[in-house]
C-alpha atoms as a PDB file:
ATOM      1  CA  MET A   1       8.146 -17.587  -3.908  1.00  0.00           C
ATOM      2  CA  THR A   2       6.509 -15.345  -6.323  1.00  0.00           C
ATOM      3  CA  PHE A   3       6.566 -11.866  -5.955  1.00  0.00           C
ATOM      4  CA  VAL A   4       5.420  -8.981  -8.565  1.00  0.00           C
ATOM      5  CA  ARG A   5       4.460  -5.394  -8.370  1.00  0.00           C
ATOM      6  CA  ARG A   6       3.273  -3.773 -11.920  1.00  0.00           C
ATOM      7  CA  ARG A   7       2.304  -0.247 -12.305  1.00  0.00           C
ATOM      8  CA  PHE A   8      -1.270   0.236 -14.138  1.00  0.00           C
ATOM      9  CA  ALA A   9      -2.951   3.494 -14.672  1.00  0.00           C
ATOM     10  CA  ARG A  10      -0.106   6.580 -14.373  1.00  0.00           C
ATOM     11  CA  ASP A  11       1.429   5.502 -10.795  1.00  0.00           C
ATOM     12  CA  ASN A  12      -1.419   2.480  -9.864  1.00  0.00           C
ATOM     13  CA  TYR A  13       0.783  -0.555  -8.251  1.00  0.00           C
ATOM     14  CA  LEU A  14      -1.117  -4.200  -7.989  1.00  0.00           C
ATOM     15  CA  TYR A  15       0.783  -6.876  -6.477  1.00  0.00           C
ATOM     16  CA  LEU A  16       1.213 -10.493  -6.854  1.00  0.00           C
ATOM     17  CA  LEU A  17       2.150 -13.082  -4.323  1.00  0.00           C
ATOM     18  CA  ALA A  18       2.816 -16.976  -5.036  1.00  0.00           C
ATOM     19  CA  GLU A  19       4.025 -19.608  -2.659  1.00  0.00           C
ATOM     20  CA  GLY A  20       3.820 -22.869  -5.850  1.00  0.00           C
ATOM     21  CA  GLU A  21       1.025 -23.074  -7.094  1.00  0.00           C
ATOM     22  CA  ASP A  22      -1.083 -20.960  -3.979  1.00  0.00           C
ATOM     23  CA  ALA A  23      -1.183 -17.463  -5.227  1.00  0.00           C
ATOM     24  CA  VAL A  24      -2.891 -14.259  -4.397  1.00  0.00           C
ATOM     25  CA  LEU A  25      -3.252 -10.978  -6.196  1.00  0.00           C
ATOM     26  CA  VAL A  26      -3.695  -7.586  -4.343  1.00  0.00           C
ATOM     27  CA  ASP A  27      -5.219  -4.564  -5.473  1.00  0.00           C
ATOM     28  CA  PRO A  28      -5.497  -5.734  -8.966  1.00  0.00           C
ATOM     29  CA  ALA A  29      -7.900  -3.003 -10.339  1.00  0.00           C
ATOM     30  CA  ASP A  30      -6.738  -3.313 -13.285  1.00  0.00           C
ATOM     31  CA  PRO A  31      -7.820  -6.950 -14.588  1.00  0.00           C
ATOM     32  CA  ALA A  32      -5.761  -6.732 -17.692  1.00  0.00           C
ATOM     33  CA  VAL A  33      -2.753  -6.057 -16.505  1.00  0.00           C
ATOM     34  CA  ALA A  34      -3.235  -8.523 -13.325  1.00  0.00           C
ATOM     35  CA  LEU A  35      -4.160 -11.086 -15.650  1.00  0.00           C
ATOM     36  CA  ASP A  36      -1.079 -10.520 -18.119  1.00  0.00           C
ATOM     37  CA  ALA A  37       1.406 -10.497 -14.718  1.00  0.00           C
ATOM     38  CA  VAL A  38      -0.605 -14.016 -13.847  1.00  0.00           C
ATOM     39  CA  ARG A  39       0.189 -15.551 -17.225  1.00  0.00           C
ATOM     40  CA  THR A  40       3.927 -14.121 -17.024  1.00  0.00           C
ATOM     41  CA  ALA A  41       4.079 -16.131 -13.682  1.00  0.00           C
ATOM     42  CA  GLY A  42       2.358 -19.285 -14.688  1.00  0.00           C
ATOM     43  CA  VAL A  43       0.292 -19.140 -11.897  1.00  0.00           C
ATOM     44  CA  ARG A  44      -3.873 -18.954 -11.194  1.00  0.00           C
ATOM     45  CA  PRO A  45      -4.801 -16.810  -8.166  1.00  0.00           C
ATOM     46  CA  ARG A  46      -7.552 -18.222  -5.742  1.00  0.00           C
ATOM     47  CA  TRP A  47      -7.919 -15.332  -4.213  1.00  0.00           C
ATOM     48  CA  ILE A  48      -8.061 -11.022  -3.966  1.00  0.00           C
ATOM     49  CA  LEU A  49      -6.930  -8.949  -1.670  1.00  0.00           C
ATOM     50  CA  HIS A  50      -7.750  -5.599  -0.381  1.00  0.00           C
ATOM     51  CA  THR A  51      -5.703  -3.191   1.505  1.00  0.00           C
ATOM     52  CA  HIS A  52      -8.964  -0.865   1.300  1.00  0.00           C
ATOM     53  CA  GLY A  53     -11.926   0.052  -0.787  1.00  0.00           C
ATOM     54  CA  HIS A  54     -11.294   2.582  -3.176  1.00  0.00           C
ATOM     55  CA  VAL A  55     -12.929   1.903  -6.651  1.00  0.00           C
ATOM     56  CA  ASP A  56      -8.557   2.437  -7.712  1.00  0.00           C
ATOM     57  CA  HIS A  57      -7.636  -0.532  -6.197  1.00  0.00           C
ATOM     58  CA  SER A  58     -10.674  -2.578  -5.689  1.00  0.00           C
ATOM     59  CA  GLY A  59     -12.542  -1.700  -9.650  1.00  0.00           C
ATOM     60  CA  GLY A  60     -11.350  -5.195 -11.011  1.00  0.00           C
ATOM     61  CA  SER A  61     -12.399  -7.419  -8.399  1.00  0.00           C
ATOM     62  CA  ALA A  62     -15.584  -8.298 -10.189  1.00  0.00           C
ATOM     63  CA  ARG A  63     -14.609  -9.211 -13.697  1.00  0.00           C
ATOM     64  CA  LEU A  64     -10.966 -11.225 -11.915  1.00  0.00           C
ATOM     65  CA  ARG A  65     -13.605 -13.717  -9.450  1.00  0.00           C
ATOM     66  CA  GLN A  66     -15.836 -14.179 -12.492  1.00  0.00           C
ATOM     67  CA  GLU A  67     -12.630 -15.304 -14.816  1.00  0.00           C
ATOM     68  CA  LEU A  68     -10.435 -16.865 -11.629  1.00  0.00           C
ATOM     69  CA  GLY A  69     -12.931 -18.344  -9.521  1.00  0.00           C
ATOM     70  CA  ALA A  70     -11.238 -16.564  -7.022  1.00  0.00           C
ATOM     71  CA  GLN A  71     -12.304 -15.554  -3.571  1.00  0.00           C
ATOM     72  CA  VAL A  72     -12.486 -11.775  -3.027  1.00  0.00           C
ATOM     73  CA  ILE A  73     -10.965 -10.448   0.446  1.00  0.00           C
ATOM     74  CA  GLY A  74     -10.886  -7.536   2.664  1.00  0.00           C
ATOM     75  CA  HIS A  75     -11.912  -5.920   5.328  1.00  0.00           C
ATOM     76  CA  GLY A  76     -15.885  -5.415   6.248  1.00  0.00           C
ATOM     77  CA  ASP A  77     -15.573  -1.368   6.979  1.00  0.00           C
ATOM     78  CA  ASP A  78     -14.317  -0.898   2.673  1.00  0.00           C
ATOM     79  CA  ALA A  79     -16.970  -3.954   2.171  1.00  0.00           C
ATOM     80  CA  ALA A  80     -19.402  -0.928   0.495  1.00  0.00           C
ATOM     81  CA  TRP A  81     -16.841  -0.886  -2.405  1.00  0.00           C
ATOM     82  CA  PHE A  82     -16.302  -4.825  -2.885  1.00  0.00           C
ATOM     83  CA  ALA A  83     -18.673  -7.135  -1.163  1.00  0.00           C
ATOM     84  CA  PRO A  84     -15.789  -9.270   0.160  1.00  0.00           C
ATOM     85  CA  ASP A  85     -16.446 -12.910   0.179  1.00  0.00           C
ATOM     86  CA  ARG A  86     -14.428 -13.382   3.419  1.00  0.00           C
ATOM     87  CA  ASP A  87     -14.443 -10.873   6.001  1.00  0.00           C
ATOM     88  CA  LEU A  88     -10.866  -9.500   7.381  1.00  0.00           C
ATOM     89  CA  SER A  89     -12.202  -7.821  10.920  1.00  0.00           C
ATOM     90  CA  GLY A  90     -10.091  -9.620  13.856  1.00  0.00           C
ATOM     91  CA  THR A  91      -7.738 -10.639  11.470  1.00  0.00           C
ATOM     92  CA  THR A  92      -4.286 -10.858  12.291  1.00  0.00           C
ATOM     93  CA  VAL A  93      -2.815 -13.881  10.304  1.00  0.00           C
ATOM     94  CA  LEU A  94      -4.403 -15.145   7.309  1.00  0.00           C
ATOM     95  CA  ASP A  95      -3.206 -18.482   5.716  1.00  0.00           C
ATOM     96  CA  LEU A  96      -4.568 -18.938   1.959  1.00  0.00           C
ATOM     97  CA  GLY A  97      -2.671 -22.680   1.186  1.00  0.00           C
ATOM     98  CA  ARG A  98       0.802 -22.080   1.510  1.00  0.00           C
ATOM     99  CA  LEU A  99       1.033 -18.103   2.124  1.00  0.00           C
ATOM    100  CA  ARG A 100       0.980 -16.935   5.453  1.00  0.00           C
ATOM    101  CA  ILE A 101       0.271 -13.477   5.686  1.00  0.00           C
ATOM    102  CA  ARG A 102       0.070 -10.834   9.198  1.00  0.00           C
ATOM    103  CA  VAL A 103      -2.717  -8.278   8.522  1.00  0.00           C
ATOM    104  CA  HIS A 104      -2.648  -4.820  10.949  1.00  0.00           C
ATOM    105  CA  PRO A 105      -5.539  -2.854  10.822  1.00  0.00           C
ATOM    106  CA  ALA A 106      -4.662   0.719   9.922  1.00  0.00           C
ATOM    107  CA  PRO A 107      -8.027   3.034   9.570  1.00  0.00           C
ATOM    108  CA  GLY A 108      -7.582   6.324   8.189  1.00  0.00           C
ATOM    109  CA  HIS A 109      -7.259   6.964   4.954  1.00  0.00           C
ATOM    110  CA  THR A 110     -10.476   4.331   4.656  1.00  0.00           C
ATOM    111  CA  PRO A 111     -12.418   2.792   7.579  1.00  0.00           C
ATOM    112  CA  GLY A 112     -11.020  -0.491   6.683  1.00  0.00           C
ATOM    113  CA  SER A 113      -7.296   0.278   5.545  1.00  0.00           C
ATOM    114  CA  VAL A 114      -5.432  -2.676   6.283  1.00  0.00           C
ATOM    115  CA  LEU A 115      -1.471  -3.332   5.781  1.00  0.00           C
ATOM    116  CA  LEU A 116      -0.576  -7.080   4.511  1.00  0.00           C
ATOM    117  CA  GLU A 117       3.052  -8.649   5.549  1.00  0.00           C
ATOM    118  CA  TRP A 118       4.762 -10.764   4.004  1.00  0.00           C
ATOM    119  CA  GLN A 119       8.295 -12.243   3.520  1.00  0.00           C
ATOM    120  CA  GLY A 120      10.256  -9.163   4.435  1.00  0.00           C
ATOM    121  CA  ARG A 121       7.442  -7.180   2.583  1.00  0.00           C
ATOM    122  CA  LEU A 122       4.919  -4.774   4.066  1.00  0.00           C
ATOM    123  CA  LEU A 123       2.097  -3.784   1.024  1.00  0.00           C
ATOM    124  CA  THR A 124       0.966  -0.471   2.847  1.00  0.00           C
ATOM    125  CA  GLY A 125      -2.198   0.427   0.237  1.00  0.00           C
ATOM    126  CA  ASP A 126      -3.028   3.920   0.700  1.00  0.00           C
ATOM    127  CA  THR A 127      -1.938   3.943   4.035  1.00  0.00           C
ATOM    128  CA  LEU A 128       2.067   5.203   4.367  1.00  0.00           C
ATOM    129  CA  PHE A 129       3.449   6.052   1.045  1.00  0.00           C
ATOM    130  CA  TRP A 130       7.049   6.514  -0.101  1.00  0.00           C
ATOM    131  CA  SER A 131       7.902  10.063   1.662  1.00  0.00           C
ATOM    132  CA  GLY A 132       4.267  10.218   2.394  1.00  0.00           C
ATOM    133  CA  CYS A 133       0.922   9.274   3.514  1.00  0.00           C
ATOM    134  CA  GLY A 134      -2.561   9.018   2.014  1.00  0.00           C
ATOM    135  CA  ASN A 135      -4.882  11.789   2.144  1.00  0.00           C
ATOM    136  CA  CYS A 136      -8.990  11.622   4.166  1.00  0.00           C
ATOM    137  CA  ARG A 137     -11.038  12.940   1.600  1.00  0.00           C
ATOM    138  CA  HIS A 138     -13.367   9.858   0.548  1.00  0.00           C
ATOM    139  CA  GLY A 139     -14.864   8.151   3.529  1.00  0.00           C
ATOM    140  CA  GLY A 140     -11.527   8.892   5.665  1.00  0.00           C
ATOM    141  CA  ASP A 141     -10.606  10.134   9.167  1.00  0.00           C
ATOM    142  CA  PRO A 142      -7.244  11.924   9.652  1.00  0.00           C
ATOM    143  CA  SER A 143      -7.174  11.484  13.795  1.00  0.00           C
ATOM    144  CA  LEU A 144      -7.770   7.447  12.831  1.00  0.00           C
ATOM    145  CA  LEU A 145      -4.876   7.635  10.622  1.00  0.00           C
ATOM    146  CA  ALA A 146      -3.252   9.589  12.714  1.00  0.00           C
ATOM    147  CA  THR A 147      -3.027   6.932  15.466  1.00  0.00           C
ATOM    148  CA  THR A 148      -2.211   4.231  13.193  1.00  0.00           C
ATOM    149  CA  PHE A 149       1.085   6.094  11.984  1.00  0.00           C
ATOM    150  CA  ARG A 150       1.811   6.971  16.145  1.00  0.00           C
ATOM    151  CA  THR A 151       0.638   3.265  17.061  1.00  0.00           C
ATOM    152  CA  VAL A 152       0.877   0.917  13.689  1.00  0.00           C
ATOM    153  CA  LEU A 153       3.760   1.599  11.939  1.00  0.00           C
ATOM    154  CA  PRO A 154       6.226   2.123  14.953  1.00  0.00           C
ATOM    155  CA  ALA A 155       5.564  -1.093  16.635  1.00  0.00           C
ATOM    156  CA  LEU A 156       6.616  -2.931  12.858  1.00  0.00           C
ATOM    157  CA  ASP A 157      10.291  -4.047  12.009  1.00  0.00           C
ATOM    158  CA  PRO A 158      11.869  -1.220  10.730  1.00  0.00           C
ATOM    159  CA  ARG A 159      13.491  -4.182   8.205  1.00  0.00           C
ATOM    160  CA  LEU A 160      10.314  -4.666   6.376  1.00  0.00           C
ATOM    161  CA  GLU A 161      10.329  -3.662   2.469  1.00  0.00           C
ATOM    162  CA  VAL A 162       7.733  -0.363   1.723  1.00  0.00           C
ATOM    163  CA  HIS A 163       5.494  -1.858  -1.209  1.00  0.00           C
ATOM    164  CA  PRO A 164       1.940   1.157  -1.543  1.00  0.00           C
ATOM    165  CA  GLY A 165      -0.419   1.256  -3.896  1.00  0.00           C
ATOM    166  CA  HIS A 166       1.081   4.448  -5.802  1.00  0.00           C
ATOM    167  CA  ASP A 167       4.280   5.758  -6.788  1.00  0.00           C
ATOM    168  CA  TYR A 168       4.003   8.872  -5.608  1.00  0.00           C
ATOM    169  CA  ALA A 169       7.522   9.966  -4.530  1.00  0.00           C
ATOM    170  CA  GLU A 170       8.273  12.297  -7.399  1.00  0.00           C
ATOM    171  CA  ALA A 171       5.449  14.422  -5.327  1.00  0.00           C
ATOM    172  CA  ASN A 172       6.002  13.532  -1.990  1.00  0.00           C
ATOM    173  CA  LEU A 173       9.555  14.513  -1.577  1.00  0.00           C
ATOM    174  CA  PRO A 174       9.450  18.121  -2.592  1.00  0.00           C
ATOM    175  CA  PHE A 175       7.088  18.807  -0.142  1.00  0.00           C
ATOM    176  CA  VAL A 176       9.084  17.050   2.488  1.00  0.00           C
ATOM    177  CA  LEU A 177      12.068  19.345   1.601  1.00  0.00           C
ATOM    178  CA  ASP A 178       9.984  22.365   1.402  1.00  0.00           C
ATOM    179  CA  ARG A 179       9.133  21.619   5.221  1.00  0.00           C
ATOM    180  CA  GLU A 180      12.737  20.010   5.719  1.00  0.00           C
ATOM    181  CA  PRO A 181      15.179  21.767   3.388  1.00  0.00           C
ATOM    182  CA  ALA A 182      18.356  20.353   4.883  1.00  0.00           C
ATOM    183  CA  ASN A 183      16.774  16.464   4.586  1.00  0.00           C
ATOM    184  CA  GLN A 184      19.427  14.918   2.903  1.00  0.00           C
ATOM    185  CA  ALA A 185      18.432  11.479   3.040  1.00  0.00           C
ATOM    186  CA  ALA A 186      14.853  13.045   1.755  1.00  0.00           C
ATOM    187  CA  ALA A 187      17.091  14.963  -1.079  1.00  0.00           C
ATOM    188  CA  GLY A 188      19.147  11.607  -2.103  1.00  0.00           C
ATOM    189  CA  ARG A 189      15.705   9.900  -2.257  1.00  0.00           C
ATOM    190  CA  LEU A 190      14.961  12.351  -4.924  1.00  0.00           C
ATOM    191  CA  SER A 191      17.392  12.179  -7.250  1.00  0.00           C
ATOM    192  CA  ALA A 192      16.960   8.144  -7.125  1.00  0.00           C
ATOM    193  CA  VAL A 193      13.557   8.172  -7.643  1.00  0.00           C
ATOM    194  CA  ARG A 194      14.131  10.922 -10.557  1.00  0.00           C
ATOM    195  CA  ALA A 195      17.044   8.653 -12.066  1.00  0.00           C
ATOM    196  CA  ALA A 196      14.808   5.239 -11.994  1.00  0.00           C
ATOM    197  CA  ARG A 197      12.514   7.546 -13.814  1.00  0.00           C
ATOM    198  CA  ALA A 198      14.578   8.960 -16.765  1.00  0.00           C
ATOM    199  CA  ALA A 199      15.988   4.842 -17.244  1.00  0.00           C
ATOM    200  CA  GLY A 200      12.634   3.833 -17.389  1.00  0.00           C
ATOM    201  CA  VAL A 201      12.520   1.560 -14.427  1.00  0.00           C
ATOM    202  CA  GLU A 202      10.966   1.095 -11.444  1.00  0.00           C
ATOM    203  CA  PRO A 203      12.238   3.075  -7.763  1.00  0.00           C
ATOM    204  CA  GLU A 204      13.472   0.538  -5.563  1.00  0.00           C
ATOM    205  CA  ALA A 205      11.469   0.185  -2.261  1.00  0.00           C
ATOM    206  CA  THR A 206      12.701   1.900   0.864  1.00  0.00           C
ATOM    207  CA  GLU A 207      13.060  -0.025   4.178  1.00  0.00           C
ATOM    208  CA  LEU A 208      10.643   1.401   6.852  1.00  0.00           C
ATOM    209  CA  GLY A 209      13.288   1.973   9.011  1.00  0.00           C
ATOM    210  CA  GLU A 210      14.453   4.204   6.055  1.00  0.00           C
ATOM    211  CA  GLU A 211      11.395   5.622   5.549  1.00  0.00           C
ATOM    212  CA  VAL A 212      11.556   7.617   8.415  1.00  0.00           C
ATOM    213  CA  LEU A 213      14.453   9.593   7.796  1.00  0.00           C
ATOM    214  CA  VAL A 214      12.387  10.895   4.364  1.00  0.00           C
ATOM    215  CA  ASN A 215       8.887  10.803   6.284  1.00  0.00           C
ATOM    216  CA  PRO A 216       8.326  13.423   8.475  1.00  0.00           C
ATOM    217  CA  PHE A 217       4.397  11.936   8.796  1.00  0.00           C
ATOM    218  CA  LEU A 218       6.510   9.162  10.550  1.00  0.00           C
ATOM    219  CA  ARG A 219       7.855  11.973  12.819  1.00  0.00           C
ATOM    220  CA  ALA A 220       4.965  14.023  13.609  1.00  0.00           C
ATOM    221  CA  GLY A 221       5.217  12.991  17.562  1.00  0.00           C
ATOM    222  CA  GLY A 222       1.714  13.317  17.715  1.00  0.00           C
ATOM    223  CA  ASP A 223      -1.705  12.879  16.632  1.00  0.00           C
ATOM    224  CA  GLY A 224      -2.206  16.603  16.391  1.00  0.00           C
ATOM    225  CA  PRO A 225       0.472  17.860  14.770  1.00  0.00           C
ATOM    226  CA  PHE A 226      -0.219  14.936  12.000  1.00  0.00           C
ATOM    227  CA  VAL A 227      -3.537  16.182  11.423  1.00  0.00           C
ATOM    228  CA  ALA A 228      -1.805  19.550  10.792  1.00  0.00           C
ATOM    229  CA  LEU A 229       0.891  18.302   8.990  1.00  0.00           C
ATOM    230  CA  ARG A 230      -1.757  16.348   6.431  1.00  0.00           C
ATOM    231  CA  GLY A 231      -4.112  19.895   6.058  1.00  0.00           C
ATOM    232  CA  LEU A 232      -0.514  21.229   4.950  1.00  0.00           C
ATOM    233  CA  ARG A 233       0.431  18.720   1.832  1.00  0.00           C
ATOM    234  CA  ASP A 234      -3.391  18.699   1.818  1.00  0.00           C
ATOM    235  CA  ASP A 235      -2.879  22.355   0.516  1.00  0.00           C
ATOM    236  CA  TRP A 236      -0.002  22.491  -0.803  1.00  0.00           C
END
């Protein structure tokens, strides 16, 4: 089993999942970084999978589809961004050779956003960030996102590791502490991510259960309070 998280641009992440010779790239918007990850792992992905359609996640699909001969997979509601060969609409379990990936529809950030669960990990795209959530300024709906946070995420295993599409932890945590100055879990997480940055290493992933402690969007308590909190974060 292979799991690779690679940073590109300033704070984006792409992922490589593999079981033997069966491999998939997730949100590989930077083809050069994606191909380097593939060469290092010694695999040739036959699939490119998207958590959502925004170009900073899907912009490399066309080139990688051509270079790898890979099939592009994503939710049809975001199809305008990346023209999938296979539509995830209605899919709950995605079998790609030996890879079995659970698909959780998570609309809000975009209409076709999904969460991808594999081997104890949850790839959350721009729906759930470390200590935050995605904004809804580019084709999103904060009410739909609120429903996702109220109904989809609480139903998942709290032991799942959270692997987002961006590393926004150091930007999100000061907002959390501004709202919740006594939140010791958030203060400790901020210290940890700053120490990782100072050491030149990637921050460790949180588990979903830990994320509840440091992420007020997971504790908003309803759609209205969530939408209000998202508005406060947008203006902060």
